[in-house]
PDB file of N, CA and C in Angstrom:
ATOM      1  N   MET A   1      -7.441 -20.712 -67.380  1.00  0.00           N
ATOM      2  CA  MET A   1      -7.830 -19.483 -66.721  1.00  0.00           C
ATOM      3  C   MET A   1      -7.110 -19.414 -65.377  1.00  0.00           C
ATOM      4  N   ALA A   2      -6.421 -18.334 -65.120  1.00  0.00           N
ATOM      5  CA  ALA A   2      -5.734 -18.127 -63.847  1.00  0.00           C
ATOM      6  C   ALA A   2      -6.753 -17.676 -62.804  1.00  0.00           C
ATOM      7  N   THR A   3      -6.563 -18.120 -61.571  1.00  0.00           N
ATOM      8  CA  THR A   3      -7.480 -17.770 -60.493  1.00  0.00           C
ATOM      9  C   THR A   3      -6.848 -16.725 -59.593  1.00  0.00           C
ATOM     10  N   VAL A   4      -7.596 -15.695 -59.311  1.00  0.00           N
ATOM     11  CA  VAL A   4      -7.174 -14.644 -58.390  1.00  0.00           C
ATOM     12  C   VAL A   4      -8.287 -14.514 -57.367  1.00  0.00           C
ATOM     13  N   GLU A   5      -7.917 -14.543 -56.088  1.00  0.00           N
ATOM     14  CA  GLU A   5      -8.920 -14.424 -55.027  1.00  0.00           C
ATOM     15  C   GLU A   5      -8.566 -13.251 -54.143  1.00  0.00           C
ATOM     16  N   PHE A   6      -9.562 -12.426 -53.836  1.00  0.00           N
ATOM     17  CA  PHE A   6      -9.343 -11.286 -52.952  1.00  0.00           C
ATOM     18  C   PHE A   6     -10.662 -10.901 -52.304  1.00  0.00           C
ATOM     19  N   GLN A   7     -10.582 -10.168 -51.218  1.00  0.00           N
ATOM     20  CA  GLN A   7     -11.768  -9.611 -50.587  1.00  0.00           C
ATOM     21  C   GLN A   7     -11.897  -8.178 -51.058  1.00  0.00           C
ATOM     22  N   ALA A   8     -13.117  -7.746 -51.292  1.00  0.00           N
ATOM     23  CA  ALA A   8     -13.337  -6.400 -51.805  1.00  0.00           C
ATOM     24  C   ALA A   8     -14.488  -5.730 -51.067  1.00  0.00           C
ATOM     25  N   LYS A   9     -14.440  -4.433 -51.017  1.00  0.00           N
ATOM     26  CA  LYS A   9     -15.532  -3.638 -50.455  1.00  0.00           C
ATOM     27  C   LYS A   9     -16.575  -3.418 -51.544  1.00  0.00           C
ATOM     28  N   VAL A  10     -17.819  -3.283 -51.135  1.00  0.00           N
ATOM     29  CA  VAL A  10     -18.894  -2.928 -52.050  1.00  0.00           C
ATOM     30  C   VAL A  10     -19.323  -1.514 -51.680  1.00  0.00           C
ATOM     31  N   GLU A  11     -19.179  -0.601 -52.625  1.00  0.00           N
ATOM     32  CA  GLU A  11     -19.540   0.799 -52.372  1.00  0.00           C
ATOM     33  C   GLU A  11     -20.618   1.210 -53.366  1.00  0.00           C
ATOM     34  N   ASN A  12     -21.789   1.521 -52.859  1.00  0.00           N
ATOM     35  CA  ASN A  12     -22.933   1.910 -53.696  1.00  0.00           C
ATOM     36  C   ASN A  12     -23.229   0.875 -54.770  1.00  0.00           C
ATOM     37  N   GLY A  13     -23.140  -0.402 -54.409  1.00  0.00           N
ATOM     38  CA  GLY A  13     -23.445  -1.472 -55.343  1.00  0.00           C
ATOM     39  C   GLY A  13     -22.333  -1.808 -56.321  1.00  0.00           C
ATOM     40  N   VAL A  14     -21.158  -1.203 -56.161  1.00  0.00           N
ATOM     41  CA  VAL A  14     -20.024  -1.442 -57.052  1.00  0.00           C
ATOM     42  C   VAL A  14     -18.929  -2.157 -56.277  1.00  0.00           C
ATOM     43  N   ILE A  15     -18.411  -3.260 -56.838  1.00  0.00           N
ATOM     44  CA  ILE A  15     -17.312  -3.993 -56.206  1.00  0.00           C
ATOM     45  C   ILE A  15     -16.021  -3.258 -56.519  1.00  0.00           C
ATOM     46  N   VAL A  16     -15.303  -2.876 -55.479  1.00  0.00           N
ATOM     47  CA  VAL A  16     -14.055  -2.136 -55.642  1.00  0.00           C
ATOM     48  C   VAL A  16     -12.907  -3.136 -55.751  1.00  0.00           C
ATOM     49  N   ILE A  17     -12.279  -3.189 -56.913  1.00  0.00           N
ATOM     50  CA  ILE A  17     -11.177  -4.125 -57.153  1.00  0.00           C
ATOM     51  C   ILE A  17      -9.895  -3.530 -56.580  1.00  0.00           C
ATOM     52  N   PRO A  18      -9.159  -4.293 -55.755  1.00  0.00           N
ATOM     53  CA  PRO A  18      -7.902  -3.788 -55.198  1.00  0.00           C
ATOM     54  C   PRO A  18      -6.919  -3.408 -56.315  1.00  0.00           C
ATOM     55  N   ASP A  19      -6.143  -2.364 -56.078  1.00  0.00           N
ATOM     56  CA  ASP A  19      -5.223  -1.829 -57.084  1.00  0.00           C
ATOM     57  C   ASP A  19      -4.291  -2.888 -57.666  1.00  0.00           C
ATOM     58  N   GLU A  20      -3.827  -3.832 -56.841  1.00  0.00           N
ATOM     59  CA  GLU A  20      -2.867  -4.822 -57.333  1.00  0.00           C
ATOM     60  C   GLU A  20      -3.453  -5.785 -58.360  1.00  0.00           C
ATOM     61  N   TYR A  21      -4.787  -5.832 -58.487  1.00  0.00           N
ATOM     62  CA  TYR A  21      -5.434  -6.734 -59.454  1.00  0.00           C
ATOM     63  C   TYR A  21      -6.060  -6.004 -60.633  1.00  0.00           C
ATOM     64  N   LYS A  22      -6.164  -4.685 -60.571  1.00  0.00           N
ATOM     65  CA  LYS A  22      -6.866  -3.933 -61.608  1.00  0.00           C
ATOM     66  C   LYS A  22      -6.266  -4.141 -62.993  1.00  0.00           C
ATOM     67  N   GLN A  23      -4.960  -4.017 -63.140  1.00  0.00           N
ATOM     68  CA  GLN A  23      -4.329  -4.134 -64.453  1.00  0.00           C
ATOM     69  C   GLN A  23      -4.569  -5.516 -65.056  1.00  0.00           C
ATOM     70  N   GLU A  24      -4.434  -6.546 -64.242  1.00  0.00           N
ATOM     71  CA  GLU A  24      -4.639  -7.923 -64.702  1.00  0.00           C
ATOM     72  C   GLU A  24      -6.076  -8.140 -65.179  1.00  0.00           C
ATOM     73  N   ILE A  25      -7.036  -7.565 -64.478  1.00  0.00           N
ATOM     74  CA  ILE A  25      -8.440  -7.741 -64.827  1.00  0.00           C
ATOM     75  C   ILE A  25      -8.816  -6.911 -66.051  1.00  0.00           C
ATOM     76  N   VAL A  26      -8.266  -5.711 -66.160  1.00  0.00           N
ATOM     77  CA  VAL A  26      -8.561  -4.845 -67.309  1.00  0.00           C
ATOM     78  C   VAL A  26      -8.081  -5.501 -68.609  1.00  0.00           C
ATOM     79  N   GLN A  27      -6.959  -6.223 -68.557  1.00  0.00           N
ATOM     80  CA  GLN A  27      -6.395  -6.851 -69.752  1.00  0.00           C
ATOM     81  C   GLN A  27      -7.092  -8.160 -70.123  1.00  0.00           C
ATOM     82  N   ALA A  28      -7.933  -8.696 -69.267  1.00  0.00           N
ATOM     83  CA  ALA A  28      -8.592  -9.978 -69.526  1.00  0.00           C
ATOM     84  C   ALA A  28      -9.743  -9.805 -70.516  1.00  0.00           C
ATOM     85  N   ASN A  29      -9.925 -10.808 -71.382  1.00  0.00           N
ATOM     86  CA  ASN A  29     -11.060 -10.802 -72.310  1.00  0.00           C
ATOM     87  C   ASN A  29     -12.352 -11.160 -71.591  1.00  0.00           C
ATOM     88  N   THR A  30     -12.274 -12.139 -70.707  1.00  0.00           N
ATOM     89  CA  THR A  30     -13.439 -12.626 -69.974  1.00  0.00           C
ATOM     90  C   THR A  30     -13.019 -12.941 -68.548  1.00  0.00           C
ATOM     91  N   VAL A  31     -13.898 -12.690 -67.602  1.00  0.00           N
ATOM     92  CA  VAL A  31     -13.637 -13.057 -66.217  1.00  0.00           C
ATOM     93  C   VAL A  31     -14.848 -13.799 -65.675  1.00  0.00           C
ATOM     94  N   LYS A  32     -14.617 -14.655 -64.714  1.00  0.00           N
ATOM     95  CA  LYS A  32     -15.696 -15.360 -64.029  1.00  0.00           C
ATOM     96  C   LYS A  32     -15.779 -14.786 -62.624  1.00  0.00           C
ATOM     97  N   ILE A  33     -16.943 -14.362 -62.227  1.00  0.00           N
ATOM     98  CA  ILE A  33     -17.134 -13.729 -60.923  1.00  0.00           C
ATOM     99  C   ILE A  33     -17.964 -14.658 -60.038  1.00  0.00           C
ATOM    100  N   VAL A  34     -17.461 -14.946 -58.840  1.00  0.00           N
ATOM    101  CA  VAL A  34     -18.193 -15.702 -57.828  1.00  0.00           C
ATOM    102  C   VAL A  34     -18.262 -14.809 -56.600  1.00  0.00           C
ATOM    103  N   VAL A  35     -19.453 -14.558 -56.114  1.00  0.00           N
ATOM    104  CA  VAL A  35     -19.627 -13.666 -54.966  1.00  0.00           C
ATOM    105  C   VAL A  35     -20.008 -14.498 -53.750  1.00  0.00           C
ATOM    106  N   GLU A  36     -19.239 -14.344 -52.684  1.00  0.00           N
ATOM    107  CA  GLU A  36     -19.546 -14.979 -51.408  1.00  0.00           C
ATOM    108  C   GLU A  36     -19.824 -13.853 -50.425  1.00  0.00           C
ATOM    109  N   LYS A  37     -21.079 -13.664 -50.130  1.00  0.00           N
ATOM    110  CA  LYS A  37     -21.500 -12.540 -49.300  1.00  0.00           C
ATOM    111  C   LYS A  37     -21.287 -12.839 -47.825  1.00  0.00           C
ATOM    112  N   GLN A  38     -20.698 -11.880 -47.120  1.00  0.00           N
ATOM    113  CA  GLN A  38     -20.549 -11.977 -45.669  1.00  0.00           C
ATOM    114  C   GLN A  38     -21.479 -10.948 -45.051  1.00  0.00           C
ATOM    115  N   SER A  39     -22.363 -11.414 -44.182  1.00  0.00           N
ATOM    116  CA  SER A  39     -23.261 -10.464 -43.535  1.00  0.00           C
ATOM    117  C   SER A  39     -22.526  -9.746 -42.420  1.00  0.00           C
ATOM    118  N   ALA A  40     -22.903  -8.536 -42.179  1.00  0.00           N
ATOM    119  CA  ALA A  40     -22.261  -7.741 -41.131  1.00  0.00           C
ATOM    120  C   ALA A  40     -22.470  -8.384 -39.765  1.00  0.00           C
ATOM    121  N   LYS A  41     -23.622  -9.026 -39.566  1.00  0.00           N
ATOM    122  CA  LYS A  41     -23.928  -9.649 -38.280  1.00  0.00           C
ATOM    123  C   LYS A  41     -22.993 -10.826 -37.999  1.00  0.00           C
ATOM    124  N   SER A  42     -22.772 -11.688 -38.997  1.00  0.00           N
ATOM    125  CA  SER A  42     -21.951 -12.876 -38.760  1.00  0.00           C
ATOM    126  C   SER A  42     -20.483 -12.518 -38.565  1.00  0.00           C
ATOM    127  N   THR A  43     -19.982 -11.509 -39.269  1.00  0.00           N
ATOM    128  CA  THR A  43     -18.580 -11.148 -39.106  1.00  0.00           C
ATOM    129  C   THR A  43     -18.343 -10.427 -37.779  1.00  0.00           C
ATOM    130  N   ALA A  44     -19.330  -9.667 -37.321  1.00  0.00           N
ATOM    131  CA  ALA A  44     -19.171  -8.940 -36.065  1.00  0.00           C
ATOM    132  C   ALA A  44     -19.279  -9.874 -34.868  1.00  0.00           C
ATOM    133  N   SER A  45     -20.138 -10.879 -34.959  1.00  0.00           N
ATOM    134  CA  SER A  45     -20.350 -11.742 -33.812  1.00  0.00           C
ATOM    135  C   SER A  45     -19.337 -12.875 -33.719  1.00  0.00           C
ATOM    136  N   ARG A  46     -18.665 -13.202 -34.838  1.00  0.00           N
ATOM    137  CA  ARG A  46     -17.744 -14.325 -34.835  1.00  0.00           C
ATOM    138  C   ARG A  46     -16.435 -13.970 -35.527  1.00  0.00           C
ATOM    139  N   PRO A  47     -15.481 -13.392 -34.799  1.00  0.00           N
ATOM    140  CA  PRO A  47     -14.219 -13.017 -35.433  1.00  0.00           C
ATOM    141  C   PRO A  47     -13.405 -14.254 -35.828  1.00  0.00           C
ATOM    142  N   ASP A  48     -12.550 -14.087 -36.792  1.00  0.00           N
ATOM    143  CA  ASP A  48     -11.671 -15.165 -37.229  1.00  0.00           C
ATOM    144  C   ASP A  48     -10.749 -15.545 -36.073  1.00  0.00           C
ATOM    145  N   ILE A  49     -10.617 -16.844 -35.806  1.00  0.00           N
ATOM    146  CA  ILE A  49      -9.831 -17.310 -34.663  1.00  0.00           C
ATOM    147  C   ILE A  49      -8.362 -16.888 -34.773  1.00  0.00           C
ATOM    148  N   MET A  50      -7.809 -16.889 -35.969  1.00  0.00           N
ATOM    149  CA  MET A  50      -6.407 -16.493 -36.131  1.00  0.00           C
ATOM    150  C   MET A  50      -6.230 -14.995 -35.853  1.00  0.00           C
ATOM    151  N   ASP A  51      -7.187 -14.174 -36.284  1.00  0.00           N
ATOM    152  CA  ASP A  51      -7.128 -12.749 -35.976  1.00  0.00           C
ATOM    153  C   ASP A  51      -7.248 -12.522 -34.471  1.00  0.00           C
ATOM    154  N   GLU A  52      -8.148 -13.274 -33.850  1.00  0.00           N
ATOM    155  CA  GLU A  52      -8.339 -13.162 -32.404  1.00  0.00           C
ATOM    156  C   GLU A  52      -7.061 -13.540 -31.652  1.00  0.00           C
ATOM    157  N   LEU A  53      -6.413 -14.633 -32.064  1.00  0.00           N
ATOM    158  CA  LEU A  53      -5.180 -15.060 -31.398  1.00  0.00           C
ATOM    159  C   LEU A  53      -4.033 -14.084 -31.654  1.00  0.00           C
ATOM    160  N   ALA A  54      -4.002 -13.490 -32.831  1.00  0.00           N
ATOM    161  CA  ALA A  54      -2.963 -12.499 -33.126  1.00  0.00           C
ATOM    162  C   ALA A  54      -3.129 -11.270 -32.233  1.00  0.00           C
ATOM    163  N   GLN A  55      -4.372 -10.878 -31.982  1.00  0.00           N
ATOM    164  CA  GLN A  55      -4.645  -9.726 -31.125  1.00  0.00           C
ATOM    165  C   GLN A  55      -4.465 -10.044 -29.643  1.00  0.00           C
ATOM    166  N   ASN A  56      -4.780 -11.299 -29.256  1.00  0.00           N
ATOM    167  CA  ASN A  56      -4.738 -11.706 -27.851  1.00  0.00           C
ATOM    168  C   ASN A  56      -4.019 -13.047 -27.726  1.00  0.00           C
ATOM    169  N   PRO A  57      -2.690 -13.039 -27.833  1.00  0.00           N
ATOM    170  CA  PRO A  57      -1.969 -14.314 -27.766  1.00  0.00           C
ATOM    171  C   PRO A  57      -2.148 -14.998 -26.411  1.00  0.00           C
ATOM    172  N   ILE A  58      -2.142 -16.315 -26.452  1.00  0.00           N
ATOM    173  CA  ILE A  58      -2.258 -17.105 -25.229  1.00  0.00           C
ATOM    174  C   ILE A  58      -0.861 -17.293 -24.661  1.00  0.00           C
ATOM    175  N   LYS A  59      -0.692 -16.935 -23.406  1.00  0.00           N
ATOM    176  CA  LYS A  59       0.617 -17.073 -22.760  1.00  0.00           C
ATOM    177  C   LYS A  59       0.670 -18.407 -22.036  1.00  0.00           C
ATOM    178  N   VAL A  60       1.752 -19.134 -22.218  1.00  0.00           N
ATOM    179  CA  VAL A  60       1.949 -20.421 -21.552  1.00  0.00           C
ATOM    180  C   VAL A  60       3.266 -20.381 -20.787  1.00  0.00           C
ATOM    181  N   ASP A  61       3.318 -21.128 -19.677  1.00  0.00           N
ATOM    182  CA  ASP A  61       4.539 -21.161 -18.878  1.00  0.00           C
ATOM    183  C   ASP A  61       5.650 -21.906 -19.607  1.00  0.00           C
ATOM    184  N   ARG A  62       5.288 -23.033 -20.211  1.00  0.00           N
ATOM    185  CA  ARG A  62       6.276 -23.810 -20.966  1.00  0.00           C
ATOM    186  C   ARG A  62       5.546 -24.676 -21.976  1.00  0.00           C
ATOM    187  N   PHE A  63       6.260 -25.084 -23.004  1.00  0.00           N
ATOM    188  CA  PHE A  63       5.677 -25.967 -24.006  1.00  0.00           C
ATOM    189  C   PHE A  63       5.799 -27.416 -23.549  1.00  0.00           C
ATOM    190  N   LEU A  64       4.857 -28.236 -23.978  1.00  0.00           N
ATOM    191  CA  LEU A  64       4.930 -29.665 -23.688  1.00  0.00           C
ATOM    192  C   LEU A  64       5.946 -30.318 -24.614  1.00  0.00           C
ATOM    193  N   THR A  65       6.590 -31.348 -24.100  1.00  0.00           N
ATOM    194  CA  THR A  65       7.457 -32.141 -24.963  1.00  0.00           C
ATOM    195  C   THR A  65       6.566 -33.018 -25.833  1.00  0.00           C
ATOM    196  N   ARG A  66       7.146 -33.649 -26.834  1.00  0.00           N
ATOM    197  CA  ARG A  66       6.377 -34.525 -27.709  1.00  0.00           C
ATOM    198  C   ARG A  66       5.748 -35.669 -26.910  1.00  0.00           C
ATOM    199  N   ASP A  67       6.533 -36.280 -26.031  1.00  0.00           N
ATOM    200  CA  ASP A  67       6.013 -37.378 -25.223  1.00  0.00           C
ATOM    201  C   ASP A  67       4.881 -36.927 -24.313  1.00  0.00           C
ATOM    202  N   GLU A  68       5.022 -35.758 -23.704  1.00  0.00           N
ATOM    203  CA  GLU A  68       3.966 -35.234 -22.825  1.00  0.00           C
ATOM    204  C   GLU A  68       2.679 -34.954 -23.611  1.00  0.00           C
ATOM    205  N   SER A  69       2.801 -34.452 -24.802  1.00  0.00           N
ATOM    206  CA  SER A  69       1.613 -34.136 -25.584  1.00  0.00           C
ATOM    207  C   SER A  69       0.877 -35.387 -26.055  1.00  0.00           C
ATOM    208  N   HIS A  70       1.576 -36.527 -26.139  1.00  0.00           N
ATOM    209  CA  HIS A  70       0.952 -37.774 -26.576  1.00  0.00           C
ATOM    210  C   HIS A  70       0.590 -38.690 -25.411  1.00  0.00           C
ATOM    211  N   ASP A  71       0.928 -38.281 -24.190  1.00  0.00           N
ATOM    212  CA  ASP A  71       0.649 -39.093 -23.010  1.00  0.00           C
ATOM    213  C   ASP A  71      -0.848 -39.123 -22.742  1.00  0.00           C
ATOM    214  N   ARG A  72      -1.438 -40.295 -22.711  1.00  0.00           N
ATOM    215  CA  ARG A  72      -2.875 -40.459 -22.505  1.00  0.00           C
ATOM    216  C   ARG A  72      -3.219 -40.738 -21.043  1.00  0.00           C
ATOM    217  N   ALA A  73      -2.213 -40.918 -20.194  1.00  0.00           N
ATOM    218  CA  ALA A  73      -2.444 -41.275 -18.790  1.00  0.00           C
ATOM    219  C   ALA A  73      -2.989 -40.095 -17.983  1.00  0.00           C
ATOM    220  N   SER A  74      -2.679 -38.887 -18.360  1.00  0.00           N
ATOM    221  CA  SER A  74      -3.086 -37.720 -17.573  1.00  0.00           C
ATOM    222  C   SER A  74      -4.519 -37.359 -17.765  1.00  0.00           C
TER     223      SER A  74
END
């Protein structure tokens, strides 16, 4: 069984399958559905760190060298 993972909206109790997966799913004899529910409260209060960094990159004056990053004396 091939695995396809995607996030989908739920509209009026119906899971909306993204267009790029519809044909593959329609042709399948059987599918296994696993639902991982995200509450609106948890997603609003805790944004994904990568999304946050993409929106607000951290500016640095210069990068550390390899030796500086491993130096334990500082």
